Amino acid sequence: MTDTSKQTEAGSIEENREAAETDWIQRYVDYTLKTCGFTHFDDGASVVEYAREMAAIAWADSDYRDDGPEACADGDMEYWGED
Protein backbone atom coordinates (compact mmCIF):
# COMPACT_ATOMS: atom_id res chain seq x y z
CA MET A 1 0.00 0.00 0.00
CA THR A 2 1.41 3.37 -0.97
CA ASP A 3 1.57 6.37 1.34
CA THR A 4 -1.10 8.09 -0.75
CA SER A 5 -3.50 5.17 -0.53
CA LYS A 6 -2.87 4.93 3.24
CA GLN A 7 -3.72 8.62 3.60
CA THR A 8 -6.85 8.19 1.48
CA GLU A 9 -7.95 5.19 3.54
CA ALA A 10 -7.28 7.02 6.81
CA GLY A 11 -9.25 10.02 5.55
CA SER A 12 -12.13 7.80 4.54
CA ILE A 13 -12.20 6.12 7.95
CA GLU A 14 -12.22 9.51 9.68
CA GLU A 15 -15.01 10.76 7.40
CA ASN A 16 -17.06 7.63 8.16
CA ARG A 17 -16.51 8.10 11.91
CA GLU A 18 -17.57 11.74 11.69
CA ALA A 19 -20.68 10.79 9.70
CA ALA A 20 -21.55 8.10 12.25
CA GLU A 21 -21.10 10.59 15.09
CA THR A 22 -23.25 13.20 13.35
CA ASP A 23 -25.99 10.64 12.71
CA TRP A 24 -25.84 9.30 16.29
CA ILE A 25 -26.11 12.79 17.78
CA GLN A 26 -28.99 13.73 15.48
CA ARG A 27 -30.86 10.55 16.43
CA TYR A 28 -30.36 11.43 20.11
CA VAL A 29 -31.69 14.96 19.57
CA ASP A 30 -34.64 13.85 17.44
CA TYR A 31 -35.61 11.15 19.91
CA THR A 32 -35.34 13.55 22.85
CA LEU A 33 -37.60 16.11 21.19
CA LYS A 34 -40.14 13.50 20.13
CA THR A 35 -40.21 11.87 23.55
CA CYS A 36 -40.29 14.92 25.79
CA GLY A 37 -42.80 16.86 23.68
CA PHE A 38 -41.47 20.36 24.32
CA THR A 39 -38.72 22.54 22.88
CA HIS A 40 -37.65 24.57 25.92
CA PHE A 41 -37.22 23.84 29.60
CA ASP A 42 -39.04 25.91 32.22
CA ASP A 43 -35.96 28.12 32.56
CA GLY A 44 -36.06 28.89 28.81
CA ALA A 45 -33.06 26.73 27.88
CA SER A 46 -33.31 24.96 24.52
CA VAL A 47 -33.92 21.22 24.61
CA VAL A 48 -32.09 20.90 21.27
CA GLU A 49 -28.95 22.61 22.57
CA TYR A 50 -29.04 20.57 25.76
CA ALA A 51 -29.59 17.31 23.86
CA ARG A 52 -26.72 18.04 21.45
CA GLU A 53 -24.40 18.66 24.37
CA MET A 54 -25.47 15.49 26.19
CA ALA A 55 -25.29 13.44 22.99
CA ALA A 56 -21.71 14.55 22.35
CA ILE A 57 -20.76 13.54 25.90
CA ALA A 58 -22.46 10.15 25.49
CA TRP A 59 -20.82 9.58 22.08
CA ALA A 60 -17.39 10.15 23.61
CA ASP A 61 -17.90 7.17 25.94
CA SER A 62 -17.87 3.91 23.99
CA ASP A 63 -20.04 2.15 26.59
CA TYR A 64 -22.81 4.72 26.18
CA ARG A 65 -22.29 4.86 22.42
CA ASP A 66 -22.80 1.09 22.20
CA ASP A 67 -26.13 1.44 24.04
CA GLY A 68 -27.42 3.62 21.21
CA PRO A 69 -28.69 7.19 21.19
CA GLU A 70 -32.28 6.38 22.10
CA ALA A 71 -31.31 4.42 25.22
CA CYS A 72 -28.89 7.15 26.26
CA ALA A 73 -31.53 9.85 25.78
CA ASP A 74 -34.03 7.80 27.79
CA GLY A 75 -31.48 7.43 30.56
CA ASP A 76 -30.86 11.15 30.66
CA MET A 77 -34.53 12.11 30.56
CA GLU A 78 -35.24 9.86 33.57
CA TYR A 79 -33.51 12.51 35.70
CA TRP A 80 -35.39 15.52 34.35
CA GLY A 81 -37.44 17.30 36.94
CA GLU A 82 -35.43 15.99 39.88
CA ASP A 83 -33.88 18.56 42.18
C-alpha atoms as a PDB file:
ATOM      1  CA  MET A   1       0.000   0.000   0.000  1.00  0.00           C
ATOM      2  CA  THR A   2       1.414   3.375  -0.967  1.00  0.00           C
ATOM      3  CA  ASP A   3       1.570   6.375   1.338  1.00  0.00           C
ATOM      4  CA  THR A   4      -1.099   8.094  -0.755  1.00  0.00           C
ATOM      5  CA  SER A   5      -3.502   5.171  -0.530  1.00  0.00           C
ATOM      6  CA  LYS A   6      -2.868   4.931   3.241  1.00  0.00           C
ATOM      7  CA  GLN A   7      -3.717   8.620   3.597  1.00  0.00           C
ATOM      8  CA  THR A   8      -6.848   8.194   1.478  1.00  0.00           C
ATOM      9  CA  GLU A   9      -7.948   5.191   3.538  1.00  0.00           C
ATOM     10  CA  ALA A  10      -7.283   7.023   6.810  1.00  0.00           C
ATOM     11  CA  GLY A  11      -9.246  10.017   5.549  1.00  0.00           C
ATOM     12  CA  SER A  12     -12.130   7.798   4.539  1.00  0.00           C
ATOM     13  CA  ILE A  13     -12.198   6.116   7.952  1.00  0.00           C
ATOM     14  CA  GLU A  14     -12.224   9.512   9.677  1.00  0.00           C
ATOM     15  CA  GLU A  15     -15.015  10.760   7.401  1.00  0.00           C
ATOM     16  CA  ASN A  16     -17.063   7.627   8.164  1.00  0.00           C
ATOM     17  CA  ARG A  17     -16.507   8.101  11.911  1.00  0.00           C
ATOM     18  CA  GLU A  18     -17.573  11.739  11.694  1.00  0.00           C
ATOM     19  CA  ALA A  19     -20.676  10.788   9.697  1.00  0.00           C
ATOM     20  CA  ALA A  20     -21.546   8.101  12.248  1.00  0.00           C
ATOM     21  CA  GLU A  21     -21.097  10.587  15.094  1.00  0.00           C
ATOM     22  CA  THR A  22     -23.246  13.204  13.347  1.00  0.00           C
ATOM     23  CA  ASP A  23     -25.994  10.635  12.713  1.00  0.00           C
ATOM     24  CA  TRP A  24     -25.842   9.302  16.290  1.00  0.00           C
ATOM     25  CA  ILE A  25     -26.111  12.789  17.781  1.00  0.00           C
ATOM     26  CA  GLN A  26     -28.994  13.727  15.476  1.00  0.00           C
ATOM     27  CA  ARG A  27     -30.864  10.552  16.428  1.00  0.00           C
ATOM     28  CA  TYR A  28     -30.362  11.427  20.107  1.00  0.00           C
ATOM     29  CA  VAL A  29     -31.686  14.965  19.573  1.00  0.00           C
ATOM     30  CA  ASP A  30     -34.642  13.846  17.440  1.00  0.00           C
ATOM     31  CA  TYR A  31     -35.609  11.147  19.913  1.00  0.00           C
ATOM     32  CA  THR A  32     -35.336  13.545  22.854  1.00  0.00           C
ATOM     33  CA  LEU A  33     -37.596  16.107  21.190  1.00  0.00           C
ATOM     34  CA  LYS A  34     -40.135  13.496  20.128  1.00  0.00           C
ATOM     35  CA  THR A  35     -40.210  11.867  23.545  1.00  0.00           C
ATOM     36  CA  CYS A  36     -40.289  14.922  25.786  1.00  0.00           C
ATOM     37  CA  GLY A  37     -42.805  16.855  23.681  1.00  0.00           C
ATOM     38  CA  PHE A  38     -41.473  20.358  24.325  1.00  0.00           C
ATOM     39  CA  THR A  39     -38.723  22.541  22.882  1.00  0.00           C
ATOM     40  CA  HIS A  40     -37.649  24.571  25.924  1.00  0.00           C
ATOM     41  CA  PHE A  41     -37.223  23.844  29.601  1.00  0.00           C
ATOM     42  CA  ASP A  42     -39.039  25.907  32.221  1.00  0.00           C
ATOM     43  CA  ASP A  43     -35.958  28.123  32.560  1.00  0.00           C
ATOM     44  CA  GLY A  44     -36.060  28.894  28.814  1.00  0.00           C
ATOM     45  CA  ALA A  45     -33.060  26.728  27.884  1.00  0.00           C
ATOM     46  CA  SER A  46     -33.310  24.964  24.525  1.00  0.00           C
ATOM     47  CA  VAL A  47     -33.917  21.223  24.606  1.00  0.00           C
ATOM     48  CA  VAL A  48     -32.086  20.897  21.270  1.00  0.00           C
ATOM     49  CA  GLU A  49     -28.946  22.605  22.569  1.00  0.00           C
ATOM     50  CA  TYR A  50     -29.035  20.567  25.763  1.00  0.00           C
ATOM     51  CA  ALA A  51     -29.588  17.309  23.857  1.00  0.00           C
ATOM     52  CA  ARG A  52     -26.721  18.045  21.455  1.00  0.00           C
ATOM     53  CA  GLU A  53     -24.397  18.655  24.375  1.00  0.00           C
ATOM     54  CA  MET A  54     -25.470  15.485  26.194  1.00  0.00           C
ATOM     55  CA  ALA A  55     -25.295  13.438  22.990  1.00  0.00           C
ATOM     56  CA  ALA A  56     -21.713  14.552  22.354  1.00  0.00           C
ATOM     57  CA  ILE A  57     -20.760  13.537  25.897  1.00  0.00           C
ATOM     58  CA  ALA A  58     -22.456  10.153  25.491  1.00  0.00           C
ATOM     59  CA  TRP A  59     -20.822   9.580  22.078  1.00  0.00           C
ATOM     60  CA  ALA A  60     -17.387  10.153  23.615  1.00  0.00           C
ATOM     61  CA  ASP A  61     -17.899   7.166  25.938  1.00  0.00           C
ATOM     62  CA  SER A  62     -17.874   3.909  23.989  1.00  0.00           C
ATOM     63  CA  ASP A  63     -20.042   2.146  26.592  1.00  0.00           C
ATOM     64  CA  TYR A  64     -22.809   4.724  26.177  1.00  0.00           C
ATOM     65  CA  ARG A  65     -22.288   4.855  22.416  1.00  0.00           C
ATOM     66  CA  ASP A  66     -22.798   1.091  22.199  1.00  0.00           C
ATOM     67  CA  ASP A  67     -26.133   1.444  24.039  1.00  0.00           C
ATOM     68  CA  GLY A  68     -27.424   3.621  21.210  1.00  0.00           C
ATOM     69  CA  PRO A  69     -28.695   7.187  21.191  1.00  0.00           C
ATOM     70  CA  GLU A  70     -32.275   6.383  22.101  1.00  0.00           C
ATOM     71  CA  ALA A  71     -31.309   4.418  25.217  1.00  0.00           C
ATOM     72  CA  CYS A  72     -28.895   7.154  26.263  1.00  0.00           C
ATOM     73  CA  ALA A  73     -31.529   9.845  25.782  1.00  0.00           C
ATOM     74  CA  ASP A  74     -34.033   7.805  27.791  1.00  0.00           C
ATOM     75  CA  GLY A  75     -31.481   7.427  30.562  1.00  0.00           C
ATOM     76  CA  ASP A  76     -30.857  11.150  30.659  1.00  0.00           C
ATOM     77  CA  MET A  77     -34.530  12.110  30.564  1.00  0.00           C
ATOM     78  CA  GLU A  78     -35.236   9.860  33.568  1.00  0.00           C
ATOM     79  CA  TYR A  79     -33.513  12.511  35.698  1.00  0.00           C
ATOM     80  CA  TRP A  80     -35.393  15.523  34.354  1.00  0.00           C
ATOM     81  CA  GLY A  81     -37.436  17.303  36.942  1.00  0.00           C
ATOM     82  CA  GLU A  82     -35.435  15.990  39.876  1.00  0.00           C
ATOM     83  CA  ASP A  83     -33.879  18.560  42.177  1.00  0.00           C
END
